């Protein structure tokens, strides 16, 4: 009898999750840019582009309900820092050529080297067209402001478009940072014009994100963005998609997707910095393609997919996928979620607590 009750409970939970995913996907059209897309603002509008002085940009989405417009694909700063200097320059320039205008970074990446490369190859010629994001791991006001000044110096710019509280781990971690004045530092920097928009990131626990949402709303702090893991395996295990994304959408906060390929573990193996003693079987190409995984993300109310691209070839491949239309119905999304069931869990998404 207990076994029957357990199966019934699991079935109920699965049905609720499927209903939720269908509801969430319906919010995606709201991120489209009405001024660029004639008609009803449907998902088909995601293929529209606009141009700047460098040429056509990738499809544009709003960063939340009232935020700026950004391209739906972003360059991950970590891989820019890990690449050789020659490759880093090539990745940045190829991204601009392909229409990417969103550039992620953080002081953590290669000890500041990634930011220095933006200062060398991005901001001198392209600051006017680039939306630049960086972050801070600081747990107090003083260190956060120091981090920001150092980031601005390395990147040779007097402001960043988005500054984020980096790598929230637990609700206690959030509470410590807030009590030590980190949010105060963010508001101070914003008031001084060093930062245009603010947000927070993390991949350890969705509960940390919920705590930051609670704390920022309690203090009347307007967050523009929240960065988190988004992929078709996530709904199966400690899910950010099911727990955090809807609250961000309701609050008008833009969602930035990361770990879309689970730091490479969708291809199998044990790449990463945790649970390296286990090796996962490849989900790509066994059950899904990169296009399946990216399409899943863009079919949801996600503003931009931040991708760690290791070569100019990867930049071009990802940009080609970004240009496609992702007006999937719920059955198409669910098909990808179901395909990941045998692979999902802590070994694949090793970065979750």
C-alpha atoms as a PDB file:
ATOM      1  CA  UNK A   1       0.000   0.000   0.000  1.00  0.00           C
ATOM      2  CA  UNK A   2       2.825   2.391   0.855  1.00  0.00           C
ATOM      3  CA  UNK A   3       4.388   1.690  -2.506  1.00  0.00           C
ATOM      4  CA  UNK A   4       1.109   2.559  -4.227  1.00  0.00           C
ATOM      5  CA  UNK A   5       0.845   5.825  -2.298  1.00  0.00           C
ATOM      6  CA  UNK A   6       4.417   6.692  -3.230  1.00  0.00           C
ATOM      7  CA  UNK A   7       3.748   6.049  -6.901  1.00  0.00           C
ATOM      8  CA  UNK A   8       0.601   8.171  -6.758  1.00  0.00           C
ATOM      9  CA  UNK A   9       2.512  11.003  -5.105  1.00  0.00           C
ATOM     10  CA  UNK A  10       5.238  10.822  -7.733  1.00  0.00           C
ATOM     11  CA  UNK A  11       2.670  10.861 -10.507  1.00  0.00           C
ATOM     12  CA  UNK A  12       0.940  13.877  -8.969  1.00  0.00           C
ATOM     13  CA  UNK A  13       4.256  15.726  -8.677  1.00  0.00           C
ATOM     14  CA  UNK A  14       5.095  14.912 -12.291  1.00  0.00           C
ATOM     15  CA  UNK A  15       1.723  16.183 -13.505  1.00  0.00           C
ATOM     16  CA  UNK A  16       2.133  19.395 -11.508  1.00  0.00           C
ATOM     17  CA  UNK A  17       5.616  19.895 -12.953  1.00  0.00           C
ATOM     18  CA  UNK A  18       4.331  19.433 -16.501  1.00  0.00           C
ATOM     19  CA  UNK A  19       1.516  21.924 -15.902  1.00  0.00           C
ATOM     20  CA  UNK A  20       4.014  24.383 -14.468  1.00  0.00           C
ATOM     21  CA  UNK A  21       6.373  24.084 -17.441  1.00  0.00           C
ATOM     22  CA  UNK A  22       3.525  24.806 -19.826  1.00  0.00           C
ATOM     23  CA  UNK A  23       2.555  27.892 -17.839  1.00  0.00           C
ATOM     24  CA  UNK A  24       6.123  29.139 -17.611  1.00  0.00           C
ATOM     25  CA  UNK A  25       6.753  28.816 -21.325  1.00  0.00           C
ATOM     26  CA  UNK A  26       3.758  31.043 -21.958  1.00  0.00           C
ATOM     27  CA  UNK A  27       5.681  33.943 -20.399  1.00  0.00           C
ATOM     28  CA  UNK A  28       8.454  33.878 -23.007  1.00  0.00           C
ATOM     29  CA  UNK A  29       6.745  36.102 -25.553  1.00  0.00           C
ATOM     30  CA  UNK A  30       6.672  38.886 -22.982  1.00  0.00           C
ATOM     31  CA  UNK A  31      10.447  39.258 -23.246  1.00  0.00           C
ATOM     32  CA  UNK A  32      10.320  40.061 -26.945  1.00  0.00           C
ATOM     33  CA  UNK A  33      10.899  43.668 -27.928  1.00  0.00           C
ATOM     34  CA  UNK A  34       7.591  45.136 -29.157  1.00  0.00           C
ATOM     35  CA  UNK A  35       9.180  47.999 -31.062  1.00  0.00           C
ATOM     36  CA  UNK A  36      11.131  45.535 -33.172  1.00  0.00           C
ATOM     37  CA  UNK A  37       8.486  42.910 -33.682  1.00  0.00           C
ATOM     38  CA  UNK A  38       5.275  43.735 -35.526  1.00  0.00           C
ATOM     39  CA  UNK A  39       2.149  41.776 -34.716  1.00  0.00           C
ATOM     40  CA  UNK A  40       1.349  39.994 -31.493  1.00  0.00           C
ATOM     41  CA  UNK A  41       4.840  39.515 -30.071  1.00  0.00           C
ATOM     42  CA  UNK A  42       4.825  35.752 -30.559  1.00  0.00           C
ATOM     43  CA  UNK A  43       7.807  33.465 -30.169  1.00  0.00           C
ATOM     44  CA  UNK A  44       8.311  33.598 -33.912  1.00  0.00           C
ATOM     45  CA  UNK A  45       9.496  37.151 -33.334  1.00  0.00           C
ATOM     46  CA  UNK A  46      12.634  35.730 -31.736  1.00  0.00           C
ATOM     47  CA  UNK A  47      14.217  35.489 -35.162  1.00  0.00           C
ATOM     48  CA  UNK A  48      13.972  39.253 -35.751  1.00  0.00           C
ATOM     49  CA  UNK A  49      17.173  41.268 -35.566  1.00  0.00           C
ATOM     50  CA  UNK A  50      18.222  44.865 -35.550  1.00  0.00           C
ATOM     51  CA  UNK A  51      21.521  46.424 -36.530  1.00  0.00           C
ATOM     52  CA  UNK A  52      24.141  48.648 -34.993  1.00  0.00           C
ATOM     53  CA  UNK A  53      27.360  50.051 -36.431  1.00  0.00           C
ATOM     54  CA  UNK A  54      28.912  46.565 -36.555  1.00  0.00           C
ATOM     55  CA  UNK A  55      26.017  44.983 -38.417  1.00  0.00           C
ATOM     56  CA  UNK A  56      23.137  42.712 -37.500  1.00  0.00           C
ATOM     57  CA  UNK A  57      22.692  41.776 -33.882  1.00  0.00           C
ATOM     58  CA  UNK A  58      21.368  38.438 -32.706  1.00  0.00           C
ATOM     59  CA  UNK A  59      17.710  38.288 -31.601  1.00  0.00           C
ATOM     60  CA  UNK A  60      16.965  40.681 -28.781  1.00  0.00           C
ATOM     61  CA  UNK A  61      15.136  40.126 -25.520  1.00  0.00           C
ATOM     62  CA  UNK A  62      14.347  42.438 -22.624  1.00  0.00           C
ATOM     63  CA  UNK A  63      16.260  41.973 -19.388  1.00  0.00           C
ATOM     64  CA  UNK A  64      13.142  41.590 -17.279  1.00  0.00           C
ATOM     65  CA  UNK A  65       9.954  43.609 -17.433  1.00  0.00           C
ATOM     66  CA  UNK A  66      11.574  47.033 -17.669  1.00  0.00           C
ATOM     67  CA  UNK A  67      15.235  46.346 -18.286  1.00  0.00           C
ATOM     68  CA  UNK A  68      17.455  47.069 -21.276  1.00  0.00           C
ATOM     69  CA  UNK A  69      17.476  45.096 -24.514  1.00  0.00           C
ATOM     70  CA  UNK A  70      20.238  42.501 -24.896  1.00  0.00           C
ATOM     71  CA  UNK A  71      21.131  39.758 -27.344  1.00  0.00           C
ATOM     72  CA  UNK A  72      19.817  36.297 -26.505  1.00  0.00           C
ATOM     73  CA  UNK A  73      23.355  34.828 -26.495  1.00  0.00           C
ATOM     74  CA  UNK A  74      26.228  35.991 -24.320  1.00  0.00           C
ATOM     75  CA  UNK A  75      29.955  35.265 -24.171  1.00  0.00           C
ATOM     76  CA  UNK A  76      31.055  33.509 -20.974  1.00  0.00           C
ATOM     77  CA  UNK A  77      34.044  35.286 -19.445  1.00  0.00           C
ATOM     78  CA  UNK A  78      35.489  32.197 -17.753  1.00  0.00           C
ATOM     79  CA  UNK A  79      36.452  30.647 -21.087  1.00  0.00           C
ATOM     80  CA  UNK A  80      37.871  33.949 -22.318  1.00  0.00           C
ATOM     81  CA  UNK A  81      40.206  33.849 -19.341  1.00  0.00           C
ATOM     82  CA  UNK A  82      41.147  30.199 -19.873  1.00  0.00           C
ATOM     83  CA  UNK A  83      41.964  30.619 -23.574  1.00  0.00           C
ATOM     84  CA  UNK A  84      45.285  31.806 -24.920  1.00  0.00           C
ATOM     85  CA  UNK A  85      45.437  35.560 -25.494  1.00  0.00           C
ATOM     86  CA  UNK A  86      45.263  35.065 -29.252  1.00  0.00           C
ATOM     87  CA  UNK A  87      42.221  32.794 -28.957  1.00  0.00           C
ATOM     88  CA  UNK A  88      40.560  35.122 -26.456  1.00  0.00           C
ATOM     89  CA  UNK A  89      40.822  38.010 -28.905  1.00  0.00           C
ATOM     90  CA  UNK A  90      39.507  35.836 -31.721  1.00  0.00           C
ATOM     91  CA  UNK A  91      36.520  34.669 -29.628  1.00  0.00           C
ATOM     92  CA  UNK A  92      35.588  38.239 -28.675  1.00  0.00           C
ATOM     93  CA  UNK A  93      35.890  39.532 -32.235  1.00  0.00           C
ATOM     94  CA  UNK A  94      34.045  36.562 -33.751  1.00  0.00           C
ATOM     95  CA  UNK A  95      31.228  37.027 -31.233  1.00  0.00           C
ATOM     96  CA  UNK A  96      30.847  40.661 -32.264  1.00  0.00           C
ATOM     97  CA  UNK A  97      30.934  39.667 -35.929  1.00  0.00           C
ATOM     98  CA  UNK A  98      28.190  37.081 -35.317  1.00  0.00           C
ATOM     99  CA  UNK A  99      25.966  39.642 -33.619  1.00  0.00           C
ATOM    100  CA  UNK A 100      26.621  38.900 -29.929  1.00  0.00           C
ATOM    101  CA  UNK A 101      26.556  42.026 -27.758  1.00  0.00           C
ATOM    102  CA  UNK A 102      26.317  40.502 -24.264  1.00  0.00           C
ATOM    103  CA  UNK A 103      29.621  39.878 -22.456  1.00  0.00           C
ATOM    104  CA  UNK A 104      29.870  38.144 -19.086  1.00  0.00           C
ATOM    105  CA  UNK A 105      32.848  38.327 -16.727  1.00  0.00           C
ATOM    106  CA  UNK A 106      34.002  38.174 -13.094  1.00  0.00           C
ATOM    107  CA  UNK A 107      37.193  38.868 -11.109  1.00  0.00           C
ATOM    108  CA  UNK A 108      37.301  35.164 -10.248  1.00  0.00           C
ATOM    109  CA  UNK A 109      37.924  34.105 -13.830  1.00  0.00           C
ATOM    110  CA  UNK A 110      41.639  33.410 -14.230  1.00  0.00           C
ATOM    111  CA  UNK A 111      42.452  35.778 -11.390  1.00  0.00           C
ATOM    112  CA  UNK A 112      41.299  38.867 -13.269  1.00  0.00           C
ATOM    113  CA  UNK A 113      42.884  37.890 -16.576  1.00  0.00           C
ATOM    114  CA  UNK A 114      39.488  37.518 -18.262  1.00  0.00           C
ATOM    115  CA  UNK A 115      38.571  41.091 -17.322  1.00  0.00           C
ATOM    116  CA  UNK A 116      41.956  42.335 -18.498  1.00  0.00           C
ATOM    117  CA  UNK A 117      41.258  40.792 -21.900  1.00  0.00           C
ATOM    118  CA  UNK A 118      38.031  42.758 -22.163  1.00  0.00           C
ATOM    119  CA  UNK A 119      40.099  45.838 -21.345  1.00  0.00           C
ATOM    120  CA  UNK A 120      42.476  44.961 -24.152  1.00  0.00           C
ATOM    121  CA  UNK A 121      40.206  43.573 -26.872  1.00  0.00           C
ATOM    122  CA  UNK A 122      36.621  44.694 -26.159  1.00  0.00           C
ATOM    123  CA  UNK A 123      36.253  48.096 -24.537  1.00  0.00           C
ATOM    124  CA  UNK A 124      38.804  50.125 -26.558  1.00  0.00           C
ATOM    125  CA  UNK A 125      36.891  49.691 -29.838  1.00  0.00           C
ATOM    126  CA  UNK A 126      33.509  48.264 -28.916  1.00  0.00           C
ATOM    127  CA  UNK A 127      32.394  49.693 -25.550  1.00  0.00           C
ATOM    128  CA  UNK A 128      29.506  51.568 -27.187  1.00  0.00           C
ATOM    129  CA  UNK A 129      27.909  48.374 -28.526  1.00  0.00           C
ATOM    130  CA  UNK A 130      28.810  45.923 -25.756  1.00  0.00           C
ATOM    131  CA  UNK A 131      26.622  45.103 -22.757  1.00  0.00           C
ATOM    132  CA  UNK A 132      29.191  44.138 -20.120  1.00  0.00           C
ATOM    133  CA  UNK A 133      28.469  42.241 -16.925  1.00  0.00           C
ATOM    134  CA  UNK A 134      30.792  41.466 -14.051  1.00  0.00           C
ATOM    135  CA  UNK A 135      30.371  40.231 -10.487  1.00  0.00           C
ATOM    136  CA  UNK A 136      31.785  40.170  -6.974  1.00  0.00           C
ATOM    137  CA  UNK A 137      32.296  37.379  -4.462  1.00  0.00           C
ATOM    138  CA  UNK A 138      32.728  39.929  -1.654  1.00  0.00           C
ATOM    139  CA  UNK A 139      30.833  39.302   1.563  1.00  0.00           C
ATOM    140  CA  UNK A 140      30.917  42.905   2.823  1.00  0.00           C
ATOM    141  CA  UNK A 141      30.339  46.427   1.505  1.00  0.00           C
ATOM    142  CA  UNK A 142      33.984  47.590   1.539  1.00  0.00           C
ATOM    143  CA  UNK A 143      35.353  44.605  -0.362  1.00  0.00           C
ATOM    144  CA  UNK A 144      32.505  44.723  -2.880  1.00  0.00           C
ATOM    145  CA  UNK A 145      33.231  48.346  -3.788  1.00  0.00           C
ATOM    146  CA  UNK A 146      36.959  47.568  -4.002  1.00  0.00           C
ATOM    147  CA  UNK A 147      36.198  44.624  -6.313  1.00  0.00           C
ATOM    148  CA  UNK A 148      34.155  46.870  -8.569  1.00  0.00           C
ATOM    149  CA  UNK A 149      36.860  49.514  -8.863  1.00  0.00           C
ATOM    150  CA  UNK A 150      39.420  46.839  -9.692  1.00  0.00           C
ATOM    151  CA  UNK A 151      37.100  45.327 -12.310  1.00  0.00           C
ATOM    152  CA  UNK A 152      36.534  48.719 -13.943  1.00  0.00           C
ATOM    153  CA  UNK A 153      40.278  49.308 -14.013  1.00  0.00           C
ATOM    154  CA  UNK A 154      41.038  45.929 -15.567  1.00  0.00           C
ATOM    155  CA  UNK A 155      38.311  46.303 -18.185  1.00  0.00           C
ATOM    156  CA  UNK A 156      39.234  49.941 -18.909  1.00  0.00           C
ATOM    157  CA  UNK A 157      35.714  51.262 -18.533  1.00  0.00           C
ATOM    158  CA  UNK A 158      34.119  53.693 -16.098  1.00  0.00           C
ATOM    159  CA  UNK A 159      30.914  51.669 -15.704  1.00  0.00           C
ATOM    160  CA  UNK A 160      29.458  48.201 -16.164  1.00  0.00           C
ATOM    161  CA  UNK A 161      26.006  47.550 -17.545  1.00  0.00           C
ATOM    162  CA  UNK A 162      25.275  44.817 -15.004  1.00  0.00           C
ATOM    163  CA  UNK A 163      26.984  44.063 -11.690  1.00  0.00           C
ATOM    164  CA  UNK A 164      25.983  40.877  -9.894  1.00  0.00           C
ATOM    165  CA  UNK A 165      26.424  39.333  -6.457  1.00  0.00           C
ATOM    166  CA  UNK A 166      28.422  36.278  -7.474  1.00  0.00           C
ATOM    167  CA  UNK A 167      27.891  32.605  -6.640  1.00  0.00           C
ATOM    168  CA  UNK A 168      25.325  32.581  -3.855  1.00  0.00           C
ATOM    169  CA  UNK A 169      25.665  29.255  -2.051  1.00  0.00           C
ATOM    170  CA  UNK A 170      23.051  28.960   0.703  1.00  0.00           C
ATOM    171  CA  UNK A 171      20.406  31.082   2.444  1.00  0.00           C
ATOM    172  CA  UNK A 172      22.919  31.687   5.255  1.00  0.00           C
ATOM    173  CA  UNK A 173      25.451  32.931   2.710  1.00  0.00           C
ATOM    174  CA  UNK A 174      22.872  35.384   1.395  1.00  0.00           C
ATOM    175  CA  UNK A 175      22.008  36.575   4.890  1.00  0.00           C
ATOM    176  CA  UNK A 176      25.660  37.175   5.748  1.00  0.00           C
ATOM    177  CA  UNK A 177      26.285  39.223   2.616  1.00  0.00           C
ATOM    178  CA  UNK A 178      23.162  41.301   3.102  1.00  0.00           C
ATOM    179  CA  UNK A 179      23.869  41.967   6.785  1.00  0.00           C
ATOM    180  CA  UNK A 180      27.437  42.995   5.909  1.00  0.00           C
ATOM    181  CA  UNK A 181      26.221  45.646   3.474  1.00  0.00           C
ATOM    182  CA  UNK A 182      26.763  44.066   0.074  1.00  0.00           C
ATOM    183  CA  UNK A 183      23.396  45.283  -1.209  1.00  0.00           C
ATOM    184  CA  UNK A 184      24.214  48.736   0.169  1.00  0.00           C
ATOM    185  CA  UNK A 185      27.406  48.692  -1.901  1.00  0.00           C
ATOM    186  CA  UNK A 186      25.452  47.793  -5.015  1.00  0.00           C
ATOM    187  CA  UNK A 187      23.002  50.652  -4.509  1.00  0.00           C
ATOM    188  CA  UNK A 188      25.869  53.052  -3.789  1.00  0.00           C
ATOM    189  CA  UNK A 189      27.690  52.060  -6.978  1.00  0.00           C
ATOM    190  CA  UNK A 190      24.491  52.367  -8.974  1.00  0.00           C
ATOM    191  CA  UNK A 191      23.833  55.845  -7.578  1.00  0.00           C
ATOM    192  CA  UNK A 192      27.365  56.934  -8.549  1.00  0.00           C
ATOM    193  CA  UNK A 193      26.871  55.705 -12.120  1.00  0.00           C
ATOM    194  CA  UNK A 194      29.508  52.981 -11.923  1.00  0.00           C
ATOM    195  CA  UNK A 195      26.806  50.369 -12.393  1.00  0.00           C
ATOM    196  CA  UNK A 196      23.665  50.614 -14.512  1.00  0.00           C
ATOM    197  CA  UNK A 197      21.833  47.483 -13.381  1.00  0.00           C
ATOM    198  CA  UNK A 198      22.290  44.997 -10.546  1.00  0.00           C
ATOM    199  CA  UNK A 199      21.560  41.315 -10.024  1.00  0.00           C
ATOM    200  CA  UNK A 200      22.751  38.072  -8.460  1.00  0.00           C
ATOM    201  CA  UNK A 201      24.044  34.672  -9.551  1.00  0.00           C
ATOM    202  CA  UNK A 202      24.540  31.173  -8.242  1.00  0.00           C
ATOM    203  CA  UNK A 203      24.379  27.506  -9.117  1.00  0.00           C
ATOM    204  CA  UNK A 204      24.652  25.887  -5.679  1.00  0.00           C
ATOM    205  CA  UNK A 205      21.093  25.985  -4.364  1.00  0.00           C
ATOM    206  CA  UNK A 206      17.828  27.402  -5.615  1.00  0.00           C
ATOM    207  CA  UNK A 207      17.071  28.180  -1.952  1.00  0.00           C
ATOM    208  CA  UNK A 208      19.840  30.790  -1.948  1.00  0.00           C
ATOM    209  CA  UNK A 209      18.191  32.506  -4.909  1.00  0.00           C
ATOM    210  CA  UNK A 210      14.832  32.484  -3.162  1.00  0.00           C
ATOM    211  CA  UNK A 211      16.447  34.027  -0.082  1.00  0.00           C
ATOM    212  CA  UNK A 212      18.043  36.807  -2.138  1.00  0.00           C
ATOM    213  CA  UNK A 213      14.718  37.508  -3.823  1.00  0.00           C
ATOM    214  CA  UNK A 214      13.139  37.767  -0.391  1.00  0.00           C
ATOM    215  CA  UNK A 215      15.886  40.000   1.030  1.00  0.00           C
ATOM    216  CA  UNK A 216      16.023  42.357  -1.947  1.00  0.00           C
ATOM    217  CA  UNK A 217      12.253  42.727  -2.078  1.00  0.00           C
ATOM    218  CA  UNK A 218      12.099  43.325   1.672  1.00  0.00           C
ATOM    219  CA  UNK A 219      14.590  46.187   1.287  1.00  0.00           C
ATOM    220  CA  UNK A 220      13.044  47.599  -1.861  1.00  0.00           C
ATOM    221  CA  UNK A 221      16.148  46.838  -3.952  1.00  0.00           C
ATOM    222  CA  UNK A 222      15.301  46.597  -7.650  1.00  0.00           C
ATOM    223  CA  UNK A 223      17.157  43.679  -9.175  1.00  0.00           C
ATOM    224  CA  UNK A 224      17.385  43.581 -12.960  1.00  0.00           C
ATOM    225  CA  UNK A 225      18.769  40.078 -13.383  1.00  0.00           C
ATOM    226  CA  UNK A 226      19.308  36.673 -11.824  1.00  0.00           C
ATOM    227  CA  UNK A 227      21.693  34.116 -13.303  1.00  0.00           C
ATOM    228  CA  UNK A 228      21.219  30.384 -12.719  1.00  0.00           C
ATOM    229  CA  UNK A 229      21.511  26.909 -14.283  1.00  0.00           C
ATOM    230  CA  UNK A 230      18.891  26.314 -16.966  1.00  0.00           C
ATOM    231  CA  UNK A 231      18.806  23.086 -18.977  1.00  0.00           C
ATOM    232  CA  UNK A 232      16.410  20.159 -19.587  1.00  0.00           C
ATOM    233  CA  UNK A 233      18.003  18.117 -16.779  1.00  0.00           C
ATOM    234  CA  UNK A 234      17.443  20.798 -14.146  1.00  0.00           C
ATOM    235  CA  UNK A 235      13.698  20.111 -13.580  1.00  0.00           C
ATOM    236  CA  UNK A 236      14.612  16.621 -12.317  1.00  0.00           C
ATOM    237  CA  UNK A 237      17.008  17.715  -9.544  1.00  0.00           C
ATOM    238  CA  UNK A 238      17.007  20.672  -7.127  1.00  0.00           C
ATOM    239  CA  UNK A 239      15.430  22.727  -9.864  1.00  0.00           C
ATOM    240  CA  UNK A 240      16.084  26.417 -10.464  1.00  0.00           C
ATOM    241  CA  UNK A 241      13.697  26.358 -13.427  1.00  0.00           C
ATOM    242  CA  UNK A 242      10.713  25.265 -11.379  1.00  0.00           C
ATOM    243  CA  UNK A 243      11.491  27.082  -8.115  1.00  0.00           C
ATOM    244  CA  UNK A 244      13.172  30.344  -9.122  1.00  0.00           C
ATOM    245  CA  UNK A 245      12.329  31.267 -12.716  1.00  0.00           C
ATOM    246  CA  UNK A 246       8.603  31.840 -12.092  1.00  0.00           C
ATOM    247  CA  UNK A 247       9.327  34.100  -9.117  1.00  0.00           C
ATOM    248  CA  UNK A 248      11.772  36.123 -11.205  1.00  0.00           C
ATOM    249  CA  UNK A 249       9.219  36.437 -14.004  1.00  0.00           C
ATOM    250  CA  UNK A 250       6.564  37.559 -11.513  1.00  0.00           C
ATOM    251  CA  UNK A 251       8.959  40.155 -10.085  1.00  0.00           C
ATOM    252  CA  UNK A 252       9.995  41.428 -13.526  1.00  0.00           C
ATOM    253  CA  UNK A 253      13.571  40.192 -13.098  1.00  0.00           C
ATOM    254  CA  UNK A 254      15.446  38.986 -16.171  1.00  0.00           C
ATOM    255  CA  UNK A 255      16.749  35.411 -16.064  1.00  0.00           C
ATOM    256  CA  UNK A 256      20.207  34.636 -17.431  1.00  0.00           C
ATOM    257  CA  UNK A 257      20.917  30.983 -18.189  1.00  0.00           C
ATOM    258  CA  UNK A 258      24.228  29.333 -17.364  1.00  0.00           C
ATOM    259  CA  UNK A 259      25.467  25.749 -17.064  1.00  0.00           C
ATOM    260  CA  UNK A 260      23.222  24.973 -20.031  1.00  0.00           C
ATOM    261  CA  UNK A 261      25.470  22.037 -20.950  1.00  0.00           C
ATOM    262  CA  UNK A 262      26.306  21.321 -17.290  1.00  0.00           C
ATOM    263  CA  UNK A 263      29.836  22.660 -17.750  1.00  0.00           C
ATOM    264  CA  UNK A 264      30.331  20.156 -20.537  1.00  0.00           C
ATOM    265  CA  UNK A 265      29.005  17.065 -18.764  1.00  0.00           C
ATOM    266  CA  UNK A 266      26.149  16.747 -21.243  1.00  0.00           C
ATOM    267  CA  UNK A 267      28.896  15.331 -23.467  1.00  0.00           C
ATOM    268  CA  UNK A 268      29.841  12.799 -20.775  1.00  0.00           C
ATOM    269  CA  UNK A 269      32.873  12.518 -18.564  1.00  0.00           C
ATOM    270  CA  UNK A 270      33.770  14.214 -15.291  1.00  0.00           C
ATOM    271  CA  UNK A 271      34.781  17.737 -16.297  1.00  0.00           C
ATOM    272  CA  UNK A 272      34.463  20.271 -13.494  1.00  0.00           C
ATOM    273  CA  UNK A 273      35.680  20.913  -9.980  1.00  0.00           C
ATOM    274  CA  UNK A 274      33.390  18.629  -7.949  1.00  0.00           C
ATOM    275  CA  UNK A 275      32.335  14.963  -8.125  1.00  0.00           C
ATOM    276  CA  UNK A 276      35.233  14.301 -10.469  1.00  0.00           C
ATOM    277  CA  UNK A 277      35.474  10.763  -9.144  1.00  0.00           C
ATOM    278  CA  UNK A 278      32.365   9.892 -11.177  1.00  0.00           C
ATOM    279  CA  UNK A 279      32.000   9.902 -14.935  1.00  0.00           C
ATOM    280  CA  UNK A 280      28.593  10.430 -16.531  1.00  0.00           C
ATOM    281  CA  UNK A 281      27.407   8.920 -19.780  1.00  0.00           C
ATOM    282  CA  UNK A 282      27.001  11.335 -22.701  1.00  0.00           C
ATOM    283  CA  UNK A 283      23.493  12.676 -23.220  1.00  0.00           C
ATOM    284  CA  UNK A 284      24.747  14.466 -26.354  1.00  0.00           C
ATOM    285  CA  UNK A 285      24.453  13.014 -28.975  1.00  0.00           C
ATOM    286  CA  UNK A 286      22.854   9.913 -27.415  1.00  0.00           C
ATOM    287  CA  UNK A 287      19.439  11.444 -26.695  1.00  0.00           C
ATOM    288  CA  UNK A 288      19.738  15.179 -27.421  1.00  0.00           C
ATOM    289  CA  UNK A 289      21.670  17.615 -29.590  1.00  0.00           C
ATOM    290  CA  UNK A 290      23.167  20.945 -28.567  1.00  0.00           C
ATOM    291  CA  UNK A 291      20.340  22.516 -30.545  1.00  0.00           C
ATOM    292  CA  UNK A 292      17.788  20.604 -28.430  1.00  0.00           C
ATOM    293  CA  UNK A 293      19.338  21.872 -25.214  1.00  0.00           C
ATOM    294  CA  UNK A 294      19.713  25.491 -26.310  1.00  0.00           C
ATOM    295  CA  UNK A 295      16.244  25.453 -27.838  1.00  0.00           C
ATOM    296  CA  UNK A 296      14.809  24.311 -24.523  1.00  0.00           C
ATOM    297  CA  UNK A 297      16.343  27.369 -22.862  1.00  0.00           C
ATOM    298  CA  UNK A 298      15.161  29.862 -25.463  1.00  0.00           C
ATOM    299  CA  UNK A 299      11.639  28.419 -25.467  1.00  0.00           C
ATOM    300  CA  UNK A 300      11.365  29.558 -21.828  1.00  0.00           C
ATOM    301  CA  UNK A 301      11.245  33.129 -20.453  1.00  0.00           C
ATOM    302  CA  UNK A 302      15.039  33.397 -20.431  1.00  0.00           C
ATOM    303  CA  UNK A 303      16.628  36.687 -21.468  1.00  0.00           C
ATOM    304  CA  UNK A 304      20.057  35.413 -22.481  1.00  0.00           C
ATOM    305  CA  UNK A 305      22.011  32.181 -22.561  1.00  0.00           C
ATOM    306  CA  UNK A 306      25.562  32.795 -21.338  1.00  0.00           C
ATOM    307  CA  UNK A 307      27.765  30.274 -23.091  1.00  0.00           C
ATOM    308  CA  UNK A 308      31.367  29.364 -22.387  1.00  0.00           C
ATOM    309  CA  UNK A 309      32.713  29.265 -25.927  1.00  0.00           C
ATOM    310  CA  UNK A 310      36.216  27.875 -26.402  1.00  0.00           C
ATOM    311  CA  UNK A 311      36.763  28.615 -30.098  1.00  0.00           C
ATOM    312  CA  UNK A 312      35.552  30.771 -32.966  1.00  0.00           C
ATOM    313  CA  UNK A 313      33.881  27.672 -34.382  1.00  0.00           C
ATOM    314  CA  UNK A 314      31.786  27.299 -31.235  1.00  0.00           C
ATOM    315  CA  UNK A 315      30.859  30.976 -31.383  1.00  0.00           C
ATOM    316  CA  UNK A 316      29.566  30.597 -34.948  1.00  0.00           C
ATOM    317  CA  UNK A 317      27.724  27.352 -34.143  1.00  0.00           C
ATOM    318  CA  UNK A 318      26.002  28.837 -31.107  1.00  0.00           C
ATOM    319  CA  UNK A 319      25.101  32.029 -32.942  1.00  0.00           C
ATOM    320  CA  UNK A 320      23.516  30.006 -35.744  1.00  0.00           C
ATOM    321  CA  UNK A 321      21.308  28.229 -33.210  1.00  0.00           C
ATOM    322  CA  UNK A 322      20.470  31.538 -31.512  1.00  0.00           C
ATOM    323  CA  UNK A 323      19.068  32.910 -34.768  1.00  0.00           C
ATOM    324  CA  UNK A 324      16.443  30.176 -35.019  1.00  0.00           C
ATOM    325  CA  UNK A 325      12.860  30.404 -33.845  1.00  0.00           C
ATOM    326  CA  UNK A 326      11.970  28.530 -30.675  1.00  0.00           C
ATOM    327  CA  UNK A 327       8.174  28.544 -30.585  1.00  0.00           C
ATOM    328  CA  UNK A 328       8.024  25.034 -29.154  1.00  0.00           C
ATOM    329  CA  UNK A 329       4.832  23.702 -27.641  1.00  0.00           C
ATOM    330  CA  UNK A 330       4.877  22.037 -24.239  1.00  0.00           C
ATOM    331  CA  UNK A 331       5.083  18.553 -25.725  1.00  0.00           C
ATOM    332  CA  UNK A 332       8.337  19.479 -27.455  1.00  0.00           C
ATOM    333  CA  UNK A 333       9.816  20.863 -24.247  1.00  0.00           C
ATOM    334  CA  UNK A 334       8.647  17.878 -22.227  1.00  0.00           C
ATOM    335  CA  UNK A 335      10.217  15.513 -24.736  1.00  0.00           C
ATOM    336  CA  UNK A 336      13.653  16.993 -23.928  1.00  0.00           C
ATOM    337  CA  UNK A 337      13.028  16.921 -20.176  1.00  0.00           C
ATOM    338  CA  UNK A 338      11.964  13.281 -20.329  1.00  0.00           C
ATOM    339  CA  UNK A 339      15.017  12.381 -22.433  1.00  0.00           C
ATOM    340  CA  UNK A 340      17.277  13.643 -19.644  1.00  0.00           C
ATOM    341  CA  UNK A 341      15.635  11.587 -16.872  1.00  0.00           C
ATOM    342  CA  UNK A 342      18.231   8.748 -16.991  1.00  0.00           C
ATOM    343  CA  UNK A 343      21.112  11.259 -16.855  1.00  0.00           C
ATOM    344  CA  UNK A 344      19.827  13.824 -14.365  1.00  0.00           C
ATOM    345  CA  UNK A 345      21.045  14.177 -10.810  1.00  0.00           C
ATOM    346  CA  UNK A 346      24.054  15.297  -8.766  1.00  0.00           C
ATOM    347  CA  UNK A 347      26.649  13.598 -10.970  1.00  0.00           C
ATOM    348  CA  UNK A 348      25.556  15.543 -14.055  1.00  0.00           C
ATOM    349  CA  UNK A 349      24.816  18.825 -12.301  1.00  0.00           C
ATOM    350  CA  UNK A 350      27.796  18.497  -9.988  1.00  0.00           C
ATOM    351  CA  UNK A 351      27.840  22.233  -9.198  1.00  0.00           C
ATOM    352  CA  UNK A 352      24.649  22.037  -7.157  1.00  0.00           C
ATOM    353  CA  UNK A 353      25.163  21.687  -3.416  1.00  0.00           C
END
